[in-house]
Amino acid sequence: MQRGRPTRSSIRQNILEILHFLGKGYGYQISKIYNGVFPQVTQRVIYYHLRKGISTKEIEMHSVKQERGAYSWGSEVEKKFYALGPLALPKGEERVKDFLKRFNVQ
């Protein structure tokens, strides 16, 4: 029997499903889609699984962009875009596809 926490996670698998249909996305966007389709989780959990997915090579960092705007914390934000990694195994969850089509999310 293996010791420690299992490397598989249903939350991370759901994030892979979102990225499969989305192509690439940033953390807040992925979090909003996740909570619209699956049982609600915190943004902190989403960001944890994005980082964990990078270490397991299921998710990879696509790009980092700086955007200007009027945010409560300042005038600039850094958006990290994520995409599927080489070891990702998405299943093609239909409810994610339907949600993205229904709300016209790009």
C-alpha atoms as a PDB file:
ATOM      1  CA  MET A   1       0.000   0.000   0.000  1.00  0.00           C
ATOM      2  CA  GLN A   2       1.294   3.435  -0.929  1.00  0.00           C
ATOM      3  CA  ARG A   3       1.929   5.978   1.755  1.00  0.00           C
ATOM      4  CA  GLY A   4       0.891   9.612   1.684  1.00  0.00           C
ATOM      5  CA  ARG A   5      -1.622  11.476  -0.346  1.00  0.00           C
ATOM      6  CA  PRO A   6      -2.772  10.020  -3.690  1.00  0.00           C
ATOM      7  CA  THR A   7      -1.494  11.852  -6.777  1.00  0.00           C
ATOM      8  CA  ARG A   8      -4.888  11.710  -8.509  1.00  0.00           C
ATOM      9  CA  SER A   9      -7.501  14.323  -7.669  1.00  0.00           C
ATOM     10  CA  SER A  10     -11.074  14.755  -8.884  1.00  0.00           C
ATOM     11  CA  ILE A  11     -10.699  18.547  -8.666  1.00  0.00           C
ATOM     12  CA  ARG A  12      -7.555  18.505 -10.814  1.00  0.00           C
ATOM     13  CA  GLN A  13      -9.249  16.156 -13.288  1.00  0.00           C
ATOM     14  CA  ASN A  14     -12.152  18.617 -13.553  1.00  0.00           C
ATOM     15  CA  ILE A  15      -9.666  21.437 -14.203  1.00  0.00           C
ATOM     16  CA  LEU A  16      -8.165  19.316 -16.998  1.00  0.00           C
ATOM     17  CA  GLU A  17     -11.647  18.932 -18.487  1.00  0.00           C
ATOM     18  CA  ILE A  18     -12.087  22.711 -18.462  1.00  0.00           C
ATOM     19  CA  LEU A  19      -8.703  23.296 -20.093  1.00  0.00           C
ATOM     20  CA  HIS A  20      -9.456  20.601 -22.673  1.00  0.00           C
ATOM     21  CA  PHE A  21     -12.403  22.577 -24.048  1.00  0.00           C
ATOM     22  CA  LEU A  22     -11.074  26.057 -23.228  1.00  0.00           C
ATOM     23  CA  GLY A  23      -7.619  25.569 -24.755  1.00  0.00           C
ATOM     24  CA  LYS A  24      -5.938  27.985 -22.356  1.00  0.00           C
ATOM     25  CA  GLY A  25      -7.207  29.980 -19.424  1.00  0.00           C
ATOM     26  CA  TYR A  26      -6.122  31.934 -16.367  1.00  0.00           C
ATOM     27  CA  GLY A  27      -6.818  30.998 -12.763  1.00  0.00           C
ATOM     28  CA  TYR A  28      -9.790  33.254 -12.029  1.00  0.00           C
ATOM     29  CA  GLN A  29     -11.492  32.272 -15.297  1.00  0.00           C
ATOM     30  CA  ILE A  30     -10.960  28.566 -14.589  1.00  0.00           C
ATOM     31  CA  SER A  31     -12.315  29.054 -11.056  1.00  0.00           C
ATOM     32  CA  LYS A  32     -15.511  30.744 -12.284  1.00  0.00           C
ATOM     33  CA  ILE A  33     -16.137  28.021 -14.869  1.00  0.00           C
ATOM     34  CA  TYR A  34     -15.383  25.291 -12.312  1.00  0.00           C
ATOM     35  CA  ASN A  35     -17.904  26.682  -9.818  1.00  0.00           C
ATOM     36  CA  GLY A  36     -20.511  26.986 -12.576  1.00  0.00           C
ATOM     37  CA  VAL A  37     -20.212  23.343 -13.617  1.00  0.00           C
ATOM     38  CA  PHE A  38     -18.996  21.346 -10.605  1.00  0.00           C
ATOM     39  CA  PRO A  39     -19.602  21.594  -6.833  1.00  0.00           C
ATOM     40  CA  GLN A  40     -18.181  24.826  -5.495  1.00  0.00           C
ATOM     41  CA  VAL A  41     -14.592  25.046  -4.303  1.00  0.00           C
ATOM     42  CA  THR A  42     -12.472  28.003  -3.245  1.00  0.00           C
ATOM     43  CA  GLN A  43     -10.111  29.856  -5.551  1.00  0.00           C
ATOM     44  CA  ARG A  44      -7.282  28.816  -3.282  1.00  0.00           C
ATOM     45  CA  VAL A  45      -7.982  25.140  -4.054  1.00  0.00           C
ATOM     46  CA  ILE A  46      -8.048  25.887  -7.797  1.00  0.00           C
ATOM     47  CA  TYR A  47      -4.681  27.655  -7.633  1.00  0.00           C
ATOM     48  CA  TYR A  48      -3.248  24.800  -5.541  1.00  0.00           C
ATOM     49  CA  HIS A  49      -4.285  22.247  -8.158  1.00  0.00           C
ATOM     50  CA  LEU A  50      -2.955  24.403 -10.999  1.00  0.00           C
ATOM     51  CA  ARG A  51       0.467  24.457  -9.280  1.00  0.00           C
ATOM     52  CA  LYS A  52       0.248  20.745  -8.469  1.00  0.00           C
ATOM     53  CA  GLY A  53      -0.736  20.005 -12.067  1.00  0.00           C
ATOM     54  CA  ILE A  54       2.390  21.799 -13.274  1.00  0.00           C
ATOM     55  CA  SER A  55       4.562  19.616 -11.032  1.00  0.00           C
ATOM     56  CA  THR A  56       2.844  16.432 -12.284  1.00  0.00           C
ATOM     57  CA  LYS A  57       3.087  17.667 -15.923  1.00  0.00           C
ATOM     58  CA  GLU A  58      -0.685  17.472 -16.405  1.00  0.00           C
ATOM     59  CA  ILE A  59      -0.831  21.258 -16.776  1.00  0.00           C
ATOM     60  CA  GLU A  60       1.734  23.640 -18.213  1.00  0.00           C
ATOM     61  CA  MET A  61       2.184  27.394 -17.985  1.00  0.00           C
ATOM     62  CA  HIS A  62       1.196  28.811 -21.366  1.00  0.00           C
ATOM     63  CA  SER A  63       2.045  32.496 -20.882  1.00  0.00           C
ATOM     64  CA  VAL A  64       2.103  35.365 -18.407  1.00  0.00           C
ATOM     65  CA  LYS A  65       0.532  38.721 -19.300  1.00  0.00           C
ATOM     66  CA  GLN A  66       0.488  42.041 -17.498  1.00  0.00           C
ATOM     67  CA  GLU A  67      -2.808  43.941 -17.794  1.00  0.00           C
ATOM     68  CA  ARG A  68      -3.582  47.468 -16.688  1.00  0.00           C
ATOM     69  CA  GLY A  69      -6.899  48.387 -15.137  1.00  0.00           C
ATOM     70  CA  ALA A  70      -8.664  49.880 -12.137  1.00  0.00           C
ATOM     71  CA  TYR A  71      -8.392  47.080  -9.581  1.00  0.00           C
ATOM     72  CA  SER A  72      -8.942  47.361  -5.837  1.00  0.00           C
ATOM     73  CA  TRP A  73      -5.317  46.353  -5.190  1.00  0.00           C
ATOM     74  CA  GLY A  74      -3.693  48.612  -7.778  1.00  0.00           C
ATOM     75  CA  SER A  75      -3.472  49.454 -11.433  1.00  0.00           C
ATOM     76  CA  GLU A  76      -1.868  46.291 -12.775  1.00  0.00           C
ATOM     77  CA  VAL A  77      -2.566  42.560 -12.724  1.00  0.00           C
ATOM     78  CA  GLU A  78      -0.478  39.570 -13.765  1.00  0.00           C
ATOM     79  CA  LYS A  79      -2.466  36.840 -15.510  1.00  0.00           C
ATOM     80  CA  LYS A  80      -0.879  33.412 -15.755  1.00  0.00           C
ATOM     81  CA  PHE A  81      -2.392  31.366 -18.563  1.00  0.00           C
ATOM     82  CA  TYR A  82      -2.465  27.583 -18.263  1.00  0.00           C
ATOM     83  CA  ALA A  83      -2.895  24.843 -20.887  1.00  0.00           C
ATOM     84  CA  LEU A  84      -2.933  21.051 -20.906  1.00  0.00           C
ATOM     85  CA  GLY A  85       0.423  19.407 -20.314  1.00  0.00           C
ATOM     86  CA  PRO A  86       1.935  16.322 -21.917  1.00  0.00           C
ATOM     87  CA  LEU A  87       0.629  13.913 -19.254  1.00  0.00           C
ATOM     88  CA  ALA A  88      -2.954  15.248 -19.190  1.00  0.00           C
ATOM     89  CA  LEU A  89      -5.690  12.694 -19.738  1.00  0.00           C
ATOM     90  CA  PRO A  90      -8.965  14.605 -20.237  1.00  0.00           C
ATOM     91  CA  LYS A  91     -12.079  12.489 -20.690  1.00  0.00           C
ATOM     92  CA  GLY A  92     -14.173  15.026 -22.617  1.00  0.00           C
ATOM     93  CA  GLU A  93     -16.800  15.851 -19.987  1.00  0.00           C
ATOM     94  CA  GLU A  94     -19.928  16.954 -21.878  1.00  0.00           C
ATOM     95  CA  ARG A  95     -21.285  19.235 -19.159  1.00  0.00           C
ATOM     96  CA  VAL A  96     -18.151  21.415 -19.416  1.00  0.00           C
ATOM     97  CA  LYS A  97     -18.610  21.656 -23.183  1.00  0.00           C
ATOM     98  CA  ASP A  98     -22.299  22.532 -22.738  1.00  0.00           C
ATOM     99  CA  PHE A  99     -21.526  25.170 -20.102  1.00  0.00           C
ATOM    100  CA  LEU A 100     -18.903  26.855 -22.285  1.00  0.00           C
ATOM    101  CA  LYS A 101     -21.248  26.808 -25.279  1.00  0.00           C
ATOM    102  CA  ARG A 102     -24.205  28.114 -23.268  1.00  0.00           C
ATOM    103  CA  PHE A 103     -22.301  31.075 -21.832  1.00  0.00           C
ATOM    104  CA  ASN A 104     -20.169  31.600 -24.948  1.00  0.00           C
ATOM    105  CA  VAL A 105     -16.901  31.474 -23.014  1.00  0.00           C
ATOM    106  CA  GLN A 106     -13.799  31.751 -25.178  1.00  0.00           C
END
